Amino acid sequence: MNNKDRDPKETDDGENVEPLKEGEDFYVENGLYVFTAKYLLERGYCCNNGCRHCPYKGPAK
């Protein structure tokens, strides 16, 4: 299947995903998307990008 023919809500393995909901999964601040702790926790892992609401942060160093 060509990428242009693919459903944008479907992952490479054919699993359907829900679109993100503004205010619940993210918000926009100064033109930047900020993920909520709820979304990051549901995602299931830390991306190590220093997300503001990361629920996986260890103690401050």
PDB file of N, CA and C in Angstrom:
ATOM      1  N   MET A   1       0.854  -1.185   0.000  1.00  0.00           N
ATOM      2  CA  MET A   1       0.000   0.000   0.000  1.00  0.00           C
ATOM      3  C   MET A   1       0.893   1.239   0.000  1.00  0.00           C
ATOM      4  N   ASN A   2       0.546   2.181  -0.788  1.00  0.00           N
ATOM      5  CA  ASN A   2       1.263   3.445  -0.874  1.00  0.00           C
ATOM      6  C   ASN A   2       0.905   4.316   0.328  1.00  0.00           C
ATOM      7  N   ASN A   3       1.867   5.091   0.868  1.00  0.00           N
ATOM      8  CA  ASN A   3       1.606   5.951   2.027  1.00  0.00           C
ATOM      9  C   ASN A   3       0.453   6.911   1.798  1.00  0.00           C
ATOM     10  N   LYS A   4       0.312   7.427   0.573  1.00  0.00           N
ATOM     11  CA  LYS A   4      -0.769   8.385   0.317  1.00  0.00           C
ATOM     12  C   LYS A   4      -2.140   7.722   0.362  1.00  0.00           C
ATOM     13  N   ASP A   5      -2.183   6.382   0.220  1.00  0.00           N
ATOM     14  CA  ASP A   5      -3.441   5.648   0.273  1.00  0.00           C
ATOM     15  C   ASP A   5      -3.769   5.162   1.682  1.00  0.00           C
ATOM     16  N   ARG A   6      -2.831   5.349   2.601  1.00  0.00           N
ATOM     17  CA  ARG A   6      -2.997   4.827   3.959  1.00  0.00           C
ATOM     18  C   ARG A   6      -3.861   5.749   4.803  1.00  0.00           C
ATOM     19  N   ASP A   7      -4.669   5.161   5.675  1.00  0.00           N
ATOM     20  CA  ASP A   7      -5.474   5.920   6.629  1.00  0.00           C
ATOM     21  C   ASP A   7      -4.527   6.557   7.640  1.00  0.00           C
ATOM     22  N   PRO A   8      -4.567   7.883   7.817  1.00  0.00           N
ATOM     23  CA  PRO A   8      -3.632   8.534   8.741  1.00  0.00           C
ATOM     24  C   PRO A   8      -3.833   8.125  10.194  1.00  0.00           C
ATOM     25  N   LYS A   9      -4.960   7.512  10.530  1.00  0.00           N
ATOM     26  CA  LYS A   9      -5.214   7.057  11.897  1.00  0.00           C
ATOM     27  C   LYS A   9      -4.793   5.609  12.096  1.00  0.00           C
ATOM     28  N   GLU A  10      -4.037   5.048  11.145  1.00  0.00           N
ATOM     29  CA  GLU A  10      -3.624   3.658  11.232  1.00  0.00           C
ATOM     30  C   GLU A  10      -2.101   3.589  11.317  1.00  0.00           C
ATOM     31  N   THR A  11      -1.589   2.783  12.245  1.00  0.00           N
ATOM     32  CA  THR A  11      -0.149   2.631  12.393  1.00  0.00           C
ATOM     33  C   THR A  11       0.375   1.679  11.331  1.00  0.00           C
ATOM     34  N   ASP A  12       1.706   1.524  11.271  1.00  0.00           N
ATOM     35  CA  ASP A  12       2.318   0.636  10.288  1.00  0.00           C
ATOM     36  C   ASP A  12       1.861  -0.812  10.438  1.00  0.00           C
ATOM     37  N   ASP A  13       1.510  -1.219  11.667  1.00  0.00           N
ATOM     38  CA  ASP A  13       1.066  -2.595  11.867  1.00  0.00           C
ATOM     39  C   ASP A  13      -0.449  -2.750  11.721  1.00  0.00           C
ATOM     40  N   GLY A  14      -1.125  -1.695  11.242  1.00  0.00           N
ATOM     41  CA  GLY A  14      -2.553  -1.769  10.975  1.00  0.00           C
ATOM     42  C   GLY A  14      -3.435  -1.418  12.154  1.00  0.00           C
ATOM     43  N   GLU A  15      -2.833  -1.092  13.287  1.00  0.00           N
ATOM     44  CA  GLU A  15      -3.608  -0.745  14.483  1.00  0.00           C
ATOM     45  C   GLU A  15      -4.159   0.675  14.349  1.00  0.00           C
ATOM     46  N   ASN A  16      -5.416   0.855  14.701  1.00  0.00           N
ATOM     47  CA  ASN A  16      -6.016   2.191  14.653  1.00  0.00           C
ATOM     48  C   ASN A  16      -5.651   2.960  15.910  1.00  0.00           C
ATOM     49  N   VAL A  17      -5.404   4.261  15.758  1.00  0.00           N
ATOM     50  CA  VAL A  17      -5.081   5.131  16.889  1.00  0.00           C
ATOM     51  C   VAL A  17      -6.033   6.314  16.887  1.00  0.00           C
ATOM     52  N   GLU A  18      -6.305   6.833  18.067  1.00  0.00           N
ATOM     53  CA  GLU A  18      -7.180   7.992  18.197  1.00  0.00           C
ATOM     54  C   GLU A  18      -6.369   9.267  18.016  1.00  0.00           C
ATOM     55  N   PRO A  19      -6.942  10.284  17.407  1.00  0.00           N
ATOM     56  CA  PRO A  19      -6.229  11.564  17.298  1.00  0.00           C
ATOM     57  C   PRO A  19      -6.089  12.195  18.681  1.00  0.00           C
ATOM     58  N   LEU A  20      -5.043  12.989  18.861  1.00  0.00           N
ATOM     59  CA  LEU A  20      -4.833  13.675  20.136  1.00  0.00           C
ATOM     60  C   LEU A  20      -5.901  14.732  20.334  1.00  0.00           C
ATOM     61  N   LYS A  21      -6.284  14.944  21.600  1.00  0.00           N
ATOM     62  CA  LYS A  21      -7.320  15.924  21.933  1.00  0.00           C
ATOM     63  C   LYS A  21      -6.682  17.115  22.632  1.00  0.00           C
ATOM     64  N   GLU A  22      -6.851  18.292  22.038  1.00  0.00           N
ATOM     65  CA  GLU A  22      -6.304  19.502  22.644  1.00  0.00           C
ATOM     66  C   GLU A  22      -6.963  19.734  23.995  1.00  0.00           C
ATOM     67  N   GLY A  23      -6.164  20.082  24.988  1.00  0.00           N
ATOM     68  CA  GLY A  23      -6.657  20.316  26.333  1.00  0.00           C
ATOM     69  C   GLY A  23      -6.626  19.072  27.199  1.00  0.00           C
ATOM     70  N   GLU A  24      -6.673  17.915  26.574  1.00  0.00           N
ATOM     71  CA  GLU A  24      -6.620  16.653  27.313  1.00  0.00           C
ATOM     72  C   GLU A  24      -5.258  15.987  27.144  1.00  0.00           C
ATOM     73  N   ASP A  25      -4.776  15.918  25.909  1.00  0.00           N
ATOM     74  CA  ASP A  25      -3.491  15.280  25.616  1.00  0.00           C
ATOM     75  C   ASP A  25      -2.365  16.295  25.440  1.00  0.00           C
ATOM     76  N   PHE A  26      -2.707  17.505  25.067  1.00  0.00           N
ATOM     77  CA  PHE A  26      -1.705  18.546  24.845  1.00  0.00           C
ATOM     78  C   PHE A  26      -2.370  19.904  24.908  1.00  0.00           C
ATOM     79  N   TYR A  27      -1.553  20.939  25.001  1.00  0.00           N
ATOM     80  CA  TYR A  27      -2.024  22.313  24.845  1.00  0.00           C
ATOM     81  C   TYR A  27      -0.943  23.079  24.105  1.00  0.00           C
ATOM     82  N   VAL A  28      -1.283  24.230  23.579  1.00  0.00           N
ATOM     83  CA  VAL A  28      -0.332  25.047  22.828  1.00  0.00           C
ATOM     84  C   VAL A  28       0.044  26.247  23.682  1.00  0.00           C
ATOM     85  N   GLU A  29       1.353  26.437  23.861  1.00  0.00           N
ATOM     86  CA  GLU A  29       1.856  27.559  24.644  1.00  0.00           C
ATOM     87  C   GLU A  29       2.954  28.243  23.839  1.00  0.00           C
ATOM     88  N   ASN A  30       2.760  29.505  23.545  1.00  0.00           N
ATOM     89  CA  ASN A  30       3.728  30.274  22.750  1.00  0.00           C
ATOM     90  C   ASN A  30       4.064  29.582  21.432  1.00  0.00           C
ATOM     91  N   GLY A  31       3.061  28.973  20.815  1.00  0.00           N
ATOM     92  CA  GLY A  31       3.244  28.321  19.524  1.00  0.00           C
ATOM     93  C   GLY A  31       3.843  26.927  19.599  1.00  0.00           C
ATOM     94  N   LEU A  32       4.097  26.426  20.807  1.00  0.00           N
ATOM     95  CA  LEU A  32       4.679  25.093  20.971  1.00  0.00           C
ATOM     96  C   LEU A  32       3.648  24.139  21.558  1.00  0.00           C
ATOM     97  N   TYR A  33       3.692  22.893  21.115  1.00  0.00           N
ATOM     98  CA  TYR A  33       2.807  21.868  21.658  1.00  0.00           C
ATOM     99  C   TYR A  33       3.427  21.320  22.938  1.00  0.00           C
ATOM    100  N   VAL A  34       2.635  21.279  24.006  1.00  0.00           N
ATOM    101  CA  VAL A  34       3.091  20.771  25.298  1.00  0.00           C
ATOM    102  C   VAL A  34       2.199  19.583  25.661  1.00  0.00           C
ATOM    103  N   PHE A  35       2.809  18.395  25.777  1.00  0.00           N
ATOM    104  CA  PHE A  35       2.043  17.204  26.132  1.00  0.00           C
ATOM    105  C   PHE A  35       1.712  17.214  27.620  1.00  0.00           C
ATOM    106  N   THR A  36       0.528  16.706  27.955  1.00  0.00           N
ATOM    107  CA  THR A  36       0.113  16.623  29.358  1.00  0.00           C
ATOM    108  C   THR A  36       0.707  15.361  29.990  1.00  0.00           C
ATOM    109  N   ALA A  37       0.776  15.347  31.324  1.00  0.00           N
ATOM    110  CA  ALA A  37       1.269  14.171  32.044  1.00  0.00           C
ATOM    111  C   ALA A  37       0.391  12.962  31.730  1.00  0.00           C
ATOM    112  N   LYS A  38      -0.909  13.177  31.587  1.00  0.00           N
ATOM    113  CA  LYS A  38      -1.839  12.091  31.260  1.00  0.00           C
ATOM    114  C   LYS A  38      -1.429  11.421  29.953  1.00  0.00           C
ATOM    115  N   TYR A  39      -1.181  12.226  28.925  1.00  0.00           N
ATOM    116  CA  TYR A  39      -0.791  11.668  27.628  1.00  0.00           C
ATOM    117  C   TYR A  39       0.549  10.946  27.724  1.00  0.00           C
ATOM    118  N   LEU A  40       1.521  11.586  28.378  1.00  0.00           N
ATOM    119  CA  LEU A  40       2.855  10.993  28.470  1.00  0.00           C
ATOM    120  C   LEU A  40       2.817   9.675  29.235  1.00  0.00           C
ATOM    121  N   LEU A  41       2.012   9.600  30.278  1.00  0.00           N
ATOM    122  CA  LEU A  41       1.886   8.366  31.047  1.00  0.00           C
ATOM    123  C   LEU A  41       1.232   7.276  30.202  1.00  0.00           C
ATOM    124  N   GLU A  42       0.201   7.631  29.441  1.00  0.00           N
ATOM    125  CA  GLU A  42      -0.465   6.656  28.568  1.00  0.00           C
ATOM    126  C   GLU A  42       0.462   6.183  27.455  1.00  0.00           C
ATOM    127  N   ARG A  43       1.376   7.061  27.005  1.00  0.00           N
ATOM    128  CA  ARG A  43       2.327   6.681  25.961  1.00  0.00           C
ATOM    129  C   ARG A  43       3.216   5.547  26.451  1.00  0.00           C
ATOM    130  N   GLY A  44       3.573   5.590  27.741  1.00  0.00           N
ATOM    131  CA  GLY A  44       4.235   4.446  28.340  1.00  0.00           C
ATOM    132  C   GLY A  44       5.751   4.466  28.431  1.00  0.00           C
ATOM    133  N   TYR A  45       6.401   5.534  28.017  1.00  0.00           N
ATOM    134  CA  TYR A  45       7.861   5.589  28.128  1.00  0.00           C
ATOM    135  C   TYR A  45       8.332   7.040  28.106  1.00  0.00           C
ATOM    136  N   CYS A  46       9.553   7.247  28.578  1.00  0.00           N
ATOM    137  CA  CYS A  46      10.163   8.578  28.558  1.00  0.00           C
ATOM    138  C   CYS A  46      10.971   8.730  27.273  1.00  0.00           C
ATOM    139  N   CYS A  47      10.817   9.863  26.605  1.00  0.00           N
ATOM    140  CA  CYS A  47      11.551  10.120  25.364  1.00  0.00           C
ATOM    141  C   CYS A  47      12.879  10.837  25.625  1.00  0.00           C
ATOM    142  N   ASN A  48      13.138  11.208  26.879  1.00  0.00           N
ATOM    143  CA  ASN A  48      14.371  11.895  27.281  1.00  0.00           C
ATOM    144  C   ASN A  48      14.556  13.253  26.615  1.00  0.00           C
ATOM    145  N   ASN A  49      13.451  13.922  26.287  1.00  0.00           N
ATOM    146  CA  ASN A  49      13.523  15.264  25.702  1.00  0.00           C
ATOM    147  C   ASN A  49      13.243  16.356  26.726  1.00  0.00           C
ATOM    148  N   GLY A  50      13.102  15.994  27.989  1.00  0.00           N
ATOM    149  CA  GLY A  50      12.862  16.987  29.034  1.00  0.00           C
ATOM    150  C   GLY A  50      11.468  17.578  29.000  1.00  0.00           C
ATOM    151  N   CYS A  51      10.476  16.773  28.698  1.00  0.00           N
ATOM    152  CA  CYS A  51       9.094  17.257  28.638  1.00  0.00           C
ATOM    153  C   CYS A  51       8.681  17.881  29.972  1.00  0.00           C
ATOM    154  N   ARG A  52       7.999  18.996  29.905  1.00  0.00           N
ATOM    155  CA  ARG A  52       7.591  19.749  31.090  1.00  0.00           C
ATOM    156  C   ARG A  52       6.796  18.902  32.076  1.00  0.00           C
ATOM    157  N   HIS A  53       5.897  18.070  31.585  1.00  0.00           N
ATOM    158  CA  HIS A  53       5.006  17.304  32.457  1.00  0.00           C
ATOM    159  C   HIS A  53       5.366  15.819  32.521  1.00  0.00           C
ATOM    160  N   CYS A  54       6.624  15.487  32.259  1.00  0.00           N
ATOM    161  CA  CYS A  54       7.043  14.078  32.217  1.00  0.00           C
ATOM    162  C   CYS A  54       6.795  13.384  33.556  1.00  0.00           C
ATOM    163  N   PRO A  55       5.990  12.303  33.548  1.00  0.00           N
ATOM    164  CA  PRO A  55       5.732  11.568  34.789  1.00  0.00           C
ATOM    165  C   PRO A  55       6.857  10.586  35.124  1.00  0.00           C
ATOM    166  N   TYR A  56       7.865  10.471  34.261  1.00  0.00           N
ATOM    167  CA  TYR A  56       8.948   9.511  34.448  1.00  0.00           C
ATOM    168  C   TYR A  56      10.202  10.153  35.020  1.00  0.00           C
ATOM    169  N   LYS A  57      10.161  11.447  35.326  1.00  0.00           N
ATOM    170  CA  LYS A  57      11.335  12.149  35.848  1.00  0.00           C
ATOM    171  C   LYS A  57      11.753  11.562  37.181  1.00  0.00           C
ATOM    172  N   GLY A  58      13.062  11.445  37.346  1.00  0.00           N
ATOM    173  CA  GLY A  58      13.594  11.061  38.648  1.00  0.00           C
ATOM    174  C   GLY A  58      13.759  12.318  39.487  1.00  0.00           C
ATOM    175  N   PRO A  59      14.360  12.181  40.652  1.00  0.00           N
ATOM    176  CA  PRO A  59      14.591  13.360  41.484  1.00  0.00           C
ATOM    177  C   PRO A  59      15.498  14.360  40.774  1.00  0.00           C
ATOM    178  N   ALA A  60      15.294  15.630  41.041  1.00  0.00           N
ATOM    179  CA  ALA A  60      16.110  16.684  40.421  1.00  0.00           C
ATOM    180  C   ALA A  60      17.572  16.492  40.793  1.00  0.00           C
ATOM    181  N   LYS A  61      18.450  16.743  39.816  1.00  0.00           N
ATOM    182  CA  LYS A  61      19.895  16.577  40.057  1.00  0.00           C
ATOM    183  C   LYS A  61      20.578  17.914  40.156  1.00  0.00           C
TER     184      LYS A  61
END
